[in-house]
């Protein structure tokens, strides 16, 4: 994986967990809309969604051992269309990042409990959709050693890091590593905006470095007889 803010040509990896599992959630709230001047005649989904988002923040801070990695981020809130109308519906959505299945299950459980509590407290209907995504990406320790050796032949030992911290980002390569032992590496491209950023610009200088790594890996694992 290409990675800005690492020196050009630096390879980064680690044995074991390297990237988090990713799930997402969608929460639809349906109340009773009405005139903003007469809120007592409504079941206000705006108030409900605000309370919901505040309660979700406690999953990390109050329901989880903070010494273990967990991210729960609400990234969307949509509701309303006019300043004098209390809307009928509201929506909240977000992402969950974990490394352990137990933590993943706890988050789902707490989200459902919070949704039920908000529904009862604010007299609204709350529907939660929880979508399970990529699993955590786990590198094989032996394959990391092999990959680091090959990377050092390309960039030098001082340009290979094999104890990189876990990333809360996620990768679909995790499915491959569930089936076949392997190693995932990141390749530095120098300073600049991060990936998934509109200002990101791929550094063409690293293309031969990455290509050389893969070619050398093939030569190492499948040498030509008699060569």
Foldseek 3Di string as FASTA:
>chain_A
DAWEPAPFLFKEFAAWFAEWWKKKKKKKKFKAKDWQVCCVVILAVVVLVVQLVVQLVCCQVPVDDVVFDKDWDWDDKDDDDDDTMRTGMIMIMTMITHQDPVSVVSSVVSSVVSQVVSCVVRVIHMDMDMGGGAHTAGAHPVQLVVLLVLSCVLRNNVRYHHHDDHYHHDDNCSVVCVVPHHIDMYGYDYHDDTPVDPGDDGRPVNVVSVVSSVVSSCCVVPNDPPD
